[in-house]
Amino acid sequence: MKTYNYRDHFGRLVIEPTEARIVRYIYESCLEGATPAEIAEALTEQGIASPMHRNRWLPGTVRSILKNEKYCGDALMQKTYTKDFRTHKSVKNTDLNMYFKENHHAAIVPKSDWLKVQEILSLRRDGKKTVRLRWLGEKFVVQQVKNGLLKGYYLLDPRWTQAERQQFLGIIQEILKNGKG
């Protein structure tokens, strides 16, 4: 996704005033309690084009703007890289070193606001965890492979967060430790 509000001129990052107002609006709305979905809906209703010049905003686009450290003046470099030079396809970096530079360029939102937004997003994500768990009585709804190469393995729901997977594995380990499995 293209970074909203910064234009690279002769190697410098320069704030685009009109787009900066939109980013400030997004951060202020989040700090006032609006969700990314509500902010996206409001921007779409106002007829404001998204960073990719689309007429419709998606909650994921708003969330990525809220999470992007560039808007508070910091830079995390090599978040993605081009794995295959022939296709020019960019992939998330899980292999190479990343480099972080604080106060790399002019900020659009104050660092304190950016940090508050990260906390809000984290709390919302953590709050959803209990809702997203699939419970059946006191047990997770999972499937155990009955035969074949993966016999005895459990199939985990790919929508589970890392914490949910860890919680499930803890339950399984407790069952095995107590000899119930």
N, C-alpha and C. Protein backbone atom coordinates (compact mmCIF):
# COMPACT_ATOMS: atom_id res chain seq x y z
N MET A 1 0.83 -1.18 0.00
CA MET A 1 0.00 0.00 0.00
C MET A 1 0.88 1.24 0.00
N LYS A 2 0.51 2.20 -0.77
CA LYS A 2 1.22 3.46 -0.87
C LYS A 2 1.10 4.23 0.45
N THR A 3 2.19 4.85 0.88
CA THR A 3 2.15 5.67 2.09
C THR A 3 1.38 6.95 1.79
N TYR A 4 0.38 7.19 2.59
CA TYR A 4 -0.47 8.36 2.41
C TYR A 4 0.23 9.57 3.00
N ASN A 5 0.24 10.69 2.32
CA ASN A 5 0.69 11.99 2.80
C ASN A 5 2.15 12.33 2.61
N TYR A 6 2.97 11.45 2.16
CA TYR A 6 4.36 11.78 1.94
C TYR A 6 4.68 11.63 0.46
N ARG A 7 5.38 12.58 -0.07
CA ARG A 7 5.82 12.54 -1.46
C ARG A 7 7.34 12.65 -1.45
N ASP A 8 8.00 11.81 -2.19
CA ASP A 8 9.44 11.80 -2.25
C ASP A 8 9.91 12.73 -3.35
N HIS A 9 10.51 13.85 -2.99
CA HIS A 9 11.05 14.83 -3.93
C HIS A 9 12.55 14.93 -3.73
N PHE A 10 13.30 14.51 -4.71
CA PHE A 10 14.76 14.61 -4.66
C PHE A 10 15.33 13.95 -3.40
N GLY A 11 14.78 12.81 -3.03
CA GLY A 11 15.28 12.07 -1.88
C GLY A 11 14.76 12.52 -0.54
N ARG A 12 13.85 13.49 -0.51
CA ARG A 12 13.30 13.98 0.77
C ARG A 12 11.83 13.58 0.89
N LEU A 13 11.41 13.38 2.10
CA LEU A 13 10.00 13.13 2.37
C LEU A 13 9.34 14.45 2.73
N VAL A 14 8.31 14.82 2.01
CA VAL A 14 7.63 16.09 2.21
C VAL A 14 6.16 15.82 2.50
N ILE A 15 5.61 16.49 3.49
CA ILE A 15 4.21 16.30 3.85
C ILE A 15 3.32 16.98 2.82
N GLU A 16 2.31 16.24 2.35
CA GLU A 16 1.29 16.77 1.44
C GLU A 16 0.16 17.29 2.34
N PRO A 17 -0.06 18.62 2.44
CA PRO A 17 -1.00 19.19 3.41
C PRO A 17 -2.42 18.63 3.35
N THR A 18 -2.98 18.44 2.16
CA THR A 18 -4.35 17.95 2.05
C THR A 18 -4.47 16.54 2.59
N GLU A 19 -3.53 15.69 2.23
CA GLU A 19 -3.56 14.31 2.70
C GLU A 19 -3.23 14.23 4.19
N ALA A 20 -2.39 15.14 4.68
CA ALA A 20 -2.06 15.16 6.11
C ALA A 20 -3.31 15.45 6.94
N ARG A 21 -4.18 16.31 6.44
CA ARG A 21 -5.44 16.59 7.15
C ARG A 21 -6.27 15.32 7.30
N ILE A 22 -6.27 14.48 6.27
CA ILE A 22 -7.03 13.23 6.32
C ILE A 22 -6.44 12.29 7.37
N VAL A 23 -5.11 12.20 7.40
CA VAL A 23 -4.46 11.33 8.38
C VAL A 23 -4.75 11.83 9.80
N ARG A 24 -4.67 13.13 10.01
CA ARG A 24 -4.98 13.68 11.34
C ARG A 24 -6.42 13.37 11.72
N TYR A 25 -7.32 13.48 10.76
CA TYR A 25 -8.74 13.15 10.99
C TYR A 25 -8.87 11.69 11.42
N ILE A 26 -8.16 10.80 10.76
CA ILE A 26 -8.22 9.37 11.08
C ILE A 26 -7.74 9.13 12.51
N TYR A 27 -6.60 9.74 12.88
CA TYR A 27 -6.07 9.56 14.23
C TYR A 27 -6.98 10.19 15.28
N GLU A 28 -7.48 11.39 15.02
CA GLU A 28 -8.37 12.04 15.98
C GLU A 28 -9.64 11.23 16.17
N SER A 29 -10.18 10.70 15.10
CA SER A 29 -11.41 9.89 15.18
C SER A 29 -11.17 8.65 16.02
N CYS A 30 -10.02 8.01 15.83
CA CYS A 30 -9.70 6.83 16.62
C CYS A 30 -9.56 7.19 18.10
N LEU A 31 -8.88 8.30 18.37
CA LEU A 31 -8.71 8.73 19.76
C LEU A 31 -10.05 9.10 20.42
N GLU A 32 -11.02 9.49 19.60
CA GLU A 32 -12.36 9.82 20.11
C GLU A 32 -13.23 8.58 20.25
N GLY A 33 -12.71 7.40 19.87
CA GLY A 33 -13.43 6.15 20.08
C GLY A 33 -13.98 5.48 18.84
N ALA A 34 -13.77 6.05 17.66
CA ALA A 34 -14.27 5.42 16.43
C ALA A 34 -13.41 4.22 16.06
N THR A 35 -14.04 3.20 15.52
CA THR A 35 -13.33 2.01 15.05
C THR A 35 -12.84 2.26 13.62
N PRO A 36 -11.88 1.47 13.14
CA PRO A 36 -11.44 1.60 11.75
C PRO A 36 -12.60 1.47 10.75
N ALA A 37 -13.55 0.60 11.04
CA ALA A 37 -14.71 0.43 10.14
C ALA A 37 -15.56 1.70 10.11
N GLU A 38 -15.76 2.32 11.26
CA GLU A 38 -16.55 3.55 11.32
C GLU A 38 -15.82 4.70 10.61
N ILE A 39 -14.51 4.77 10.79
CA ILE A 39 -13.73 5.82 10.13
C ILE A 39 -13.77 5.62 8.62
N ALA A 40 -13.60 4.37 8.17
CA ALA A 40 -13.65 4.07 6.73
C ALA A 40 -14.99 4.46 6.14
N GLU A 41 -16.05 4.15 6.85
CA GLU A 41 -17.40 4.50 6.38
C GLU A 41 -17.57 6.02 6.28
N ALA A 42 -17.08 6.75 7.28
CA ALA A 42 -17.19 8.21 7.27
C ALA A 42 -16.40 8.82 6.12
N LEU A 43 -15.19 8.33 5.87
CA LEU A 43 -14.38 8.85 4.77
C LEU A 43 -15.03 8.56 3.41
N THR A 44 -15.61 7.37 3.29
CA THR A 44 -16.31 7.01 2.04
C THR A 44 -17.51 7.91 1.83
N GLU A 45 -18.29 8.14 2.89
CA GLU A 45 -19.48 9.00 2.80
C GLU A 45 -19.11 10.43 2.43
N GLN A 46 -17.93 10.89 2.87
CA GLN A 46 -17.50 12.25 2.57
C GLN A 46 -16.90 12.38 1.17
N GLY A 47 -16.80 11.25 0.46
CA GLY A 47 -16.28 11.28 -0.90
C GLY A 47 -14.78 11.49 -0.99
N ILE A 48 -14.05 11.12 0.05
CA ILE A 48 -12.60 11.28 0.07
C ILE A 48 -11.97 10.02 -0.53
N ALA A 49 -11.08 10.21 -1.48
CA ALA A 49 -10.43 9.08 -2.13
C ALA A 49 -9.41 8.43 -1.19
N SER A 50 -9.30 7.11 -1.30
CA SER A 50 -8.34 6.36 -0.50
C SER A 50 -6.92 6.58 -1.03
N PRO A 51 -5.89 6.11 -0.32
CA PRO A 51 -4.52 6.28 -0.80
C PRO A 51 -4.29 5.68 -2.20
N MET A 52 -5.06 4.66 -2.55
CA MET A 52 -4.93 4.05 -3.88
C MET A 52 -5.93 4.67 -4.86
N HIS A 53 -6.46 5.84 -4.51
CA HIS A 53 -7.38 6.61 -5.35
C HIS A 53 -8.68 5.88 -5.66
N ARG A 54 -9.14 5.10 -4.70
CA ARG A 54 -10.43 4.42 -4.84
C ARG A 54 -11.49 5.24 -4.12
N ASN A 55 -12.74 5.07 -4.53
CA ASN A 55 -13.85 5.83 -3.93
C ASN A 55 -14.27 5.26 -2.59
N ARG A 56 -13.92 4.02 -2.31
CA ARG A 56 -14.36 3.34 -1.09
C ARG A 56 -13.17 3.04 -0.19
N TRP A 57 -13.31 3.40 1.08
CA TRP A 57 -12.30 3.09 2.08
C TRP A 57 -12.63 1.75 2.72
N LEU A 58 -11.61 0.98 3.02
CA LEU A 58 -11.78 -0.28 3.73
C LEU A 58 -11.22 -0.14 5.14
N PRO A 59 -11.80 -0.85 6.11
CA PRO A 59 -11.27 -0.78 7.48
C PRO A 59 -9.79 -1.15 7.55
N GLY A 60 -9.35 -2.09 6.73
CA GLY A 60 -7.94 -2.49 6.71
C GLY A 60 -7.02 -1.35 6.29
N THR A 61 -7.50 -0.51 5.38
CA THR A 61 -6.71 0.64 4.94
C THR A 61 -6.54 1.63 6.09
N VAL A 62 -7.64 1.88 6.79
CA VAL A 62 -7.60 2.79 7.95
C VAL A 62 -6.68 2.21 9.02
N ARG A 63 -6.82 0.91 9.29
CA ARG A 63 -6.01 0.25 10.31
C ARG A 63 -4.52 0.34 9.95
N SER A 64 -4.18 0.16 8.67
CA SER A 64 -2.77 0.23 8.29
C SER A 64 -2.23 1.65 8.45
N ILE A 65 -3.05 2.66 8.21
CA ILE A 65 -2.62 4.04 8.45
C ILE A 65 -2.41 4.27 9.94
N LEU A 66 -3.32 3.74 10.75
CA LEU A 66 -3.19 3.90 12.20
C LEU A 66 -1.97 3.19 12.77
N LYS A 67 -1.56 2.10 12.15
CA LYS A 67 -0.42 1.32 12.64
C LYS A 67 0.92 1.79 12.08
N ASN A 68 0.90 2.58 11.02
CA ASN A 68 2.13 2.94 10.33
C ASN A 68 2.93 3.98 11.12
N GLU A 69 4.14 3.61 11.49
CA GLU A 69 5.01 4.49 12.29
C GLU A 69 5.48 5.72 11.52
N LYS A 70 5.35 5.72 10.22
CA LYS A 70 5.81 6.87 9.43
C LYS A 70 5.06 8.15 9.78
N TYR A 71 3.80 8.01 10.22
CA TYR A 71 3.00 9.19 10.49
C TYR A 71 3.40 9.91 11.77
N CYS A 72 4.21 9.26 12.63
CA CYS A 72 4.72 9.95 13.82
C CYS A 72 6.18 10.34 13.64
N GLY A 73 6.69 10.20 12.41
CA GLY A 73 8.04 10.66 12.09
C GLY A 73 9.12 9.60 12.15
N ASP A 74 8.76 8.37 12.51
CA ASP A 74 9.73 7.29 12.59
C ASP A 74 9.75 6.50 11.27
N ALA A 75 10.77 5.70 11.08
CA ALA A 75 10.85 4.88 9.88
C ALA A 75 11.36 3.49 10.23
N LEU A 76 10.62 2.48 9.81
CA LEU A 76 11.05 1.09 9.91
C LEU A 76 11.30 0.64 8.48
N MET A 77 12.55 0.39 8.18
CA MET A 77 12.92 0.07 6.80
C MET A 77 13.06 -1.43 6.61
N GLN A 78 12.76 -1.87 5.41
CA GLN A 78 12.79 -3.27 4.98
C GLN A 78 11.67 -4.08 5.61
N LYS A 79 10.46 -3.48 5.72
CA LYS A 79 9.30 -4.25 6.16
C LYS A 79 8.92 -5.26 5.09
N THR A 80 9.16 -4.86 3.84
CA THR A 80 8.94 -5.76 2.71
C THR A 80 10.18 -5.71 1.82
N TYR A 81 10.31 -6.71 0.98
CA TYR A 81 11.40 -6.70 0.01
C TYR A 81 10.96 -7.46 -1.23
N THR A 82 11.69 -7.26 -2.31
CA THR A 82 11.39 -7.94 -3.57
C THR A 82 12.14 -9.26 -3.58
N LYS A 83 11.39 -10.35 -3.50
CA LYS A 83 11.99 -11.68 -3.43
C LYS A 83 12.48 -12.14 -4.80
N ASP A 84 11.69 -11.84 -5.83
CA ASP A 84 12.04 -12.26 -7.18
C ASP A 84 12.10 -11.02 -8.07
N PHE A 85 13.30 -10.69 -8.54
CA PHE A 85 13.47 -9.46 -9.33
C PHE A 85 12.71 -9.52 -10.66
N ARG A 86 12.41 -10.73 -11.15
CA ARG A 86 11.72 -10.83 -12.44
C ARG A 86 10.25 -10.45 -12.34
N THR A 87 9.61 -10.83 -11.25
CA THR A 87 8.18 -10.53 -11.09
C THR A 87 7.95 -9.21 -10.37
N HIS A 88 8.97 -8.71 -9.69
CA HIS A 88 8.88 -7.47 -8.91
C HIS A 88 7.84 -7.56 -7.80
N LYS A 89 7.53 -8.79 -7.38
CA LYS A 89 6.54 -8.98 -6.33
C LYS A 89 7.18 -8.72 -4.96
N SER A 90 6.54 -7.87 -4.19
CA SER A 90 7.01 -7.50 -2.88
C SER A 90 6.39 -8.44 -1.84
N VAL A 91 7.19 -8.92 -0.89
CA VAL A 91 6.70 -9.82 0.15
C VAL A 91 7.07 -9.27 1.52
N LYS A 92 6.33 -9.69 2.55
CA LYS A 92 6.64 -9.29 3.92
C LYS A 92 7.99 -9.84 4.32
N ASN A 93 8.79 -9.04 4.98
CA ASN A 93 10.12 -9.45 5.38
C ASN A 93 10.07 -10.28 6.64
N THR A 94 10.44 -11.55 6.52
CA THR A 94 10.58 -12.41 7.69
C THR A 94 12.01 -12.95 7.79
N ASP A 95 12.84 -12.63 6.79
CA ASP A 95 14.18 -13.20 6.71
C ASP A 95 15.31 -12.20 6.96
N LEU A 96 15.15 -10.99 6.50
CA LEU A 96 16.23 -10.01 6.52
C LEU A 96 16.14 -9.09 7.73
N ASN A 97 17.24 -8.41 8.03
CA ASN A 97 17.24 -7.42 9.11
C ASN A 97 16.36 -6.23 8.72
N MET A 98 15.68 -5.67 9.71
CA MET A 98 14.93 -4.43 9.52
C MET A 98 15.68 -3.34 10.29
N TYR A 99 15.52 -2.10 9.85
CA TYR A 99 16.22 -0.99 10.46
C TYR A 99 15.21 0.06 10.89
N PHE A 100 15.33 0.51 12.15
CA PHE A 100 14.40 1.49 12.71
C PHE A 100 15.14 2.79 12.97
N LYS A 101 14.54 3.89 12.54
CA LYS A 101 15.11 5.22 12.79
C LYS A 101 14.04 6.11 13.39
N GLU A 102 14.26 6.53 14.62
CA GLU A 102 13.33 7.44 15.30
C GLU A 102 13.58 8.86 14.80
N ASN A 103 12.51 9.65 14.71
CA ASN A 103 12.58 11.04 14.23
C ASN A 103 13.29 11.15 12.88
N HIS A 104 12.94 10.26 12.00
CA HIS A 104 13.54 10.20 10.67
C HIS A 104 13.10 11.35 9.77
N HIS A 105 11.86 11.79 9.93
CA HIS A 105 11.30 12.84 9.09
C HIS A 105 10.22 13.58 9.87
N ALA A 106 9.65 14.61 9.27
CA ALA A 106 8.62 15.42 9.93
C ALA A 106 7.38 14.55 10.20
N ALA A 107 6.83 14.70 11.39
CA ALA A 107 5.65 13.91 11.79
C ALA A 107 4.36 14.63 11.40
N ILE A 108 3.34 13.83 11.10
CA ILE A 108 2.01 14.38 10.83
C ILE A 108 1.19 14.37 12.12
N VAL A 109 1.37 13.32 12.92
CA VAL A 109 0.68 13.24 14.21
C VAL A 109 1.74 13.16 15.31
N PRO A 110 1.44 13.74 16.48
CA PRO A 110 2.41 13.66 17.58
C PRO A 110 2.65 12.21 18.00
N LYS A 111 3.88 11.92 18.40
CA LYS A 111 4.25 10.57 18.83
C LYS A 111 3.34 10.10 19.97
N SER A 112 2.96 10.99 20.87
CA SER A 112 2.10 10.60 22.00
C SER A 112 0.74 10.12 21.49
N ASP A 113 0.19 10.78 20.47
CA ASP A 113 -1.08 10.34 19.88
C ASP A 113 -0.93 9.00 19.19
N TRP A 114 0.18 8.82 18.47
CA TRP A 114 0.43 7.57 17.77
C TRP A 114 0.51 6.42 18.78
N LEU A 115 1.20 6.65 19.90
CA LEU A 115 1.32 5.62 20.93
C LEU A 115 -0.03 5.30 21.57
N LYS A 116 -0.86 6.33 21.81
CA LYS A 116 -2.20 6.10 22.36
C LYS A 116 -3.04 5.26 21.40
N VAL A 117 -2.93 5.55 20.12
CA VAL A 117 -3.68 4.79 19.11
C VAL A 117 -3.22 3.33 19.10
N GLN A 118 -1.91 3.09 19.23
CA GLN A 118 -1.41 1.71 19.25
C GLN A 118 -1.99 0.96 20.45
N GLU A 119 -2.09 1.66 21.58
CA GLU A 119 -2.67 1.05 22.77
C GLU A 119 -4.16 0.74 22.57
N ILE A 120 -4.88 1.67 21.96
CA ILE A 120 -6.30 1.47 21.67
C ILE A 120 -6.48 0.27 20.76
N LEU A 121 -5.69 0.20 19.69
CA LEU A 121 -5.81 -0.92 18.75
C LEU A 121 -5.47 -2.23 19.44
N SER A 122 -4.47 -2.23 20.30
CA SER A 122 -4.08 -3.43 21.02
C SER A 122 -5.20 -3.88 21.96
N LEU A 123 -5.80 -2.93 22.67
CA LEU A 123 -6.90 -3.28 23.59
C LEU A 123 -8.09 -3.83 22.83
N ARG A 124 -8.40 -3.24 21.68
CA ARG A 124 -9.51 -3.74 20.87
C ARG A 124 -9.22 -5.15 20.40
N ARG A 125 -7.98 -5.38 19.96
CA ARG A 125 -7.61 -6.70 19.47
C ARG A 125 -7.68 -7.71 20.62
N ASP A 126 -7.16 -7.34 21.79
CA ASP A 126 -7.19 -8.24 22.93
C ASP A 126 -8.62 -8.48 23.40
N GLY A 127 -9.46 -7.47 23.32
CA GLY A 127 -10.85 -7.61 23.72
C GLY A 127 -11.61 -8.56 22.83
N LYS A 128 -11.24 -8.63 21.56
CA LYS A 128 -11.92 -9.52 20.62
C LYS A 128 -11.52 -10.97 20.81
N LYS A 129 -10.38 -11.23 21.43
CA LYS A 129 -9.89 -12.60 21.54
C LYS A 129 -10.90 -13.52 22.21
N THR A 130 -11.50 -13.06 23.28
CA THR A 130 -12.45 -13.91 23.97
C THR A 130 -13.71 -14.14 23.13
N VAL A 131 -14.04 -13.17 22.31
CA VAL A 131 -15.22 -13.31 21.45
C VAL A 131 -14.93 -14.27 20.31
N ARG A 132 -13.69 -14.24 19.79
CA ARG A 132 -13.36 -15.03 18.62
C ARG A 132 -13.14 -16.50 18.93
N LEU A 133 -12.91 -16.86 20.19
CA LEU A 133 -12.72 -18.26 20.51
C LEU A 133 -14.00 -19.04 20.24
N ARG A 134 -13.83 -20.19 19.62
CA ARG A 134 -14.99 -21.05 19.37
C ARG A 134 -15.10 -22.05 20.52
N TRP A 135 -16.08 -21.88 21.38
CA TRP A 135 -16.24 -22.74 22.54
C TRP A 135 -17.45 -23.63 22.35
N LEU A 136 -17.35 -24.82 22.83
CA LEU A 136 -18.48 -25.74 22.90
C LEU A 136 -18.48 -26.24 24.33
N GLY A 137 -19.33 -25.64 25.16
CA GLY A 137 -19.26 -25.93 26.58
C GLY A 137 -17.94 -25.40 27.10
N GLU A 138 -17.10 -26.30 27.60
CA GLU A 138 -15.80 -25.90 28.12
C GLU A 138 -14.66 -26.30 27.20
N LYS A 139 -14.97 -26.67 25.95
CA LYS A 139 -13.93 -27.16 25.04
C LYS A 139 -13.89 -26.35 23.76
N PHE A 140 -12.70 -26.26 23.18
CA PHE A 140 -12.55 -25.65 21.87
C PHE A 140 -13.18 -26.58 20.83
N VAL A 141 -13.71 -26.00 19.76
CA VAL A 141 -14.19 -26.81 18.66
C VAL A 141 -13.00 -27.02 17.73
N VAL A 142 -12.43 -28.22 17.77
CA VAL A 142 -11.29 -28.57 16.93
C VAL A 142 -11.52 -29.96 16.37
N GLN A 143 -10.70 -30.32 15.41
CA GLN A 143 -10.79 -31.66 14.85
C GLN A 143 -9.46 -32.36 15.04
N GLN A 144 -9.55 -33.65 15.39
CA GLN A 144 -8.34 -34.46 15.49
C GLN A 144 -8.33 -35.38 14.29
N VAL A 145 -7.17 -35.45 13.62
CA VAL A 145 -7.05 -36.32 12.46
C VAL A 145 -7.07 -37.76 12.94
N LYS A 146 -7.97 -38.56 12.37
CA LYS A 146 -8.18 -39.94 12.83
C LYS A 146 -7.28 -40.95 12.14
N ASN A 147 -6.87 -40.68 10.89
CA ASN A 147 -6.00 -41.64 10.20
C ASN A 147 -5.15 -40.92 9.17
N GLY A 148 -4.25 -41.66 8.56
CA GLY A 148 -3.37 -41.08 7.56
C GLY A 148 -2.09 -40.55 8.16
N LEU A 149 -1.35 -39.82 7.36
CA LEU A 149 -0.04 -39.32 7.75
C LEU A 149 -0.09 -38.40 8.97
N LEU A 150 -1.17 -37.64 9.12
CA LEU A 150 -1.28 -36.69 10.23
C LEU A 150 -2.13 -37.23 11.38
N LYS A 151 -2.29 -38.54 11.49
CA LYS A 151 -3.10 -39.15 12.54
C LYS A 151 -2.62 -38.68 13.91
N GLY A 152 -3.59 -38.24 14.73
CA GLY A 152 -3.29 -37.78 16.07
C GLY A 152 -3.07 -36.28 16.17
N TYR A 153 -2.85 -35.62 15.04
CA TYR A 153 -2.68 -34.17 15.03
C TYR A 153 -4.03 -33.48 15.13
N TYR A 154 -4.00 -32.28 15.66
CA TYR A 154 -5.21 -31.47 15.76
C TYR A 154 -5.19 -30.39 14.68
N LEU A 155 -6.34 -30.13 14.08
CA LEU A 155 -6.47 -29.07 13.10
C LEU A 155 -6.93 -27.82 13.83
N LEU A 156 -6.13 -26.78 13.79
CA LEU A 156 -6.47 -25.53 14.45
C LEU A 156 -7.12 -24.60 13.45
N ASP A 157 -8.04 -23.82 13.93
CA ASP A 157 -8.72 -22.84 13.08
C ASP A 157 -7.70 -21.78 12.68
N PRO A 158 -7.50 -21.55 11.37
CA PRO A 158 -6.49 -20.56 10.94
C PRO A 158 -6.83 -19.14 11.35
N ARG A 159 -8.06 -18.87 11.76
CA ARG A 159 -8.44 -17.52 12.20
C ARG A 159 -8.05 -17.25 13.64
N TRP A 160 -7.59 -18.29 14.37
CA TRP A 160 -7.18 -18.08 15.75
C TRP A 160 -5.93 -17.23 15.78
N THR A 161 -5.84 -16.38 16.79
CA THR A 161 -4.64 -15.58 17.00
C THR A 161 -3.57 -16.47 17.62
N GLN A 162 -2.35 -15.95 17.68
CA GLN A 162 -1.25 -16.69 18.29
C GLN A 162 -1.58 -17.00 19.75
N ALA A 163 -2.18 -16.05 20.47
CA ALA A 163 -2.53 -16.27 21.88
C ALA A 163 -3.57 -17.37 22.02
N GLU A 164 -4.53 -17.42 21.09
CA GLU A 164 -5.55 -18.47 21.14
C GLU A 164 -4.93 -19.84 20.88
N ARG A 165 -3.99 -19.90 19.95
CA ARG A 165 -3.30 -21.17 19.68
C ARG A 165 -2.53 -21.62 20.92
N GLN A 166 -1.84 -20.67 21.55
CA GLN A 166 -1.06 -21.00 22.75
C GLN A 166 -1.98 -21.49 23.86
N GLN A 167 -3.14 -20.84 24.00
CA GLN A 167 -4.10 -21.25 25.03
C GLN A 167 -4.58 -22.67 24.76
N PHE A 168 -4.87 -22.97 23.51
CA PHE A 168 -5.32 -24.31 23.12
C PHE A 168 -4.23 -25.34 23.42
N LEU A 169 -2.99 -25.03 23.01
CA LEU A 169 -1.89 -25.96 23.25
C LEU A 169 -1.66 -26.18 24.74
N GLY A 170 -1.87 -25.13 25.54
CA GLY A 170 -1.77 -25.27 26.99
C GLY A 170 -2.80 -26.24 27.54
N ILE A 171 -4.03 -26.16 27.01
CA ILE A 171 -5.09 -27.09 27.42
C ILE A 171 -4.72 -28.52 27.06
N ILE A 172 -4.21 -28.72 25.84
CA ILE A 172 -3.82 -30.06 25.39
C ILE A 172 -2.68 -30.60 26.26
N GLN A 173 -1.69 -29.76 26.56
CA GLN A 173 -0.57 -30.20 27.39
C GLN A 173 -1.04 -30.58 28.79
N GLU A 174 -1.99 -29.82 29.32
CA GLU A 174 -2.54 -30.12 30.65
C GLU A 174 -3.27 -31.47 30.63
N ILE A 175 -4.02 -31.72 29.58
CA ILE A 175 -4.73 -32.99 29.44
C ILE A 175 -3.74 -34.14 29.38
N LEU A 176 -2.69 -33.99 28.56
CA LEU A 176 -1.69 -35.06 28.42
C LEU A 176 -0.94 -35.27 29.74
N LYS A 177 -0.64 -34.19 30.46
CA LYS A 177 0.10 -34.28 31.73
C LYS A 177 -0.72 -35.02 32.78
N ASN A 178 -2.03 -34.79 32.78
CA ASN A 178 -2.91 -35.44 33.76
C ASN A 178 -3.35 -36.83 33.33
N GLY A 179 -2.88 -37.27 32.15
CA GLY A 179 -3.17 -38.63 31.69
C GLY A 179 -4.59 -38.84 31.19
N LYS A 180 -5.27 -37.75 30.80
CA LYS A 180 -6.65 -37.89 30.33
C LYS A 180 -6.70 -38.10 28.83
N GLY A 181 -5.59 -37.96 28.13
CA GLY A 181 -5.62 -38.01 26.67
C GLY A 181 -5.11 -39.29 26.11
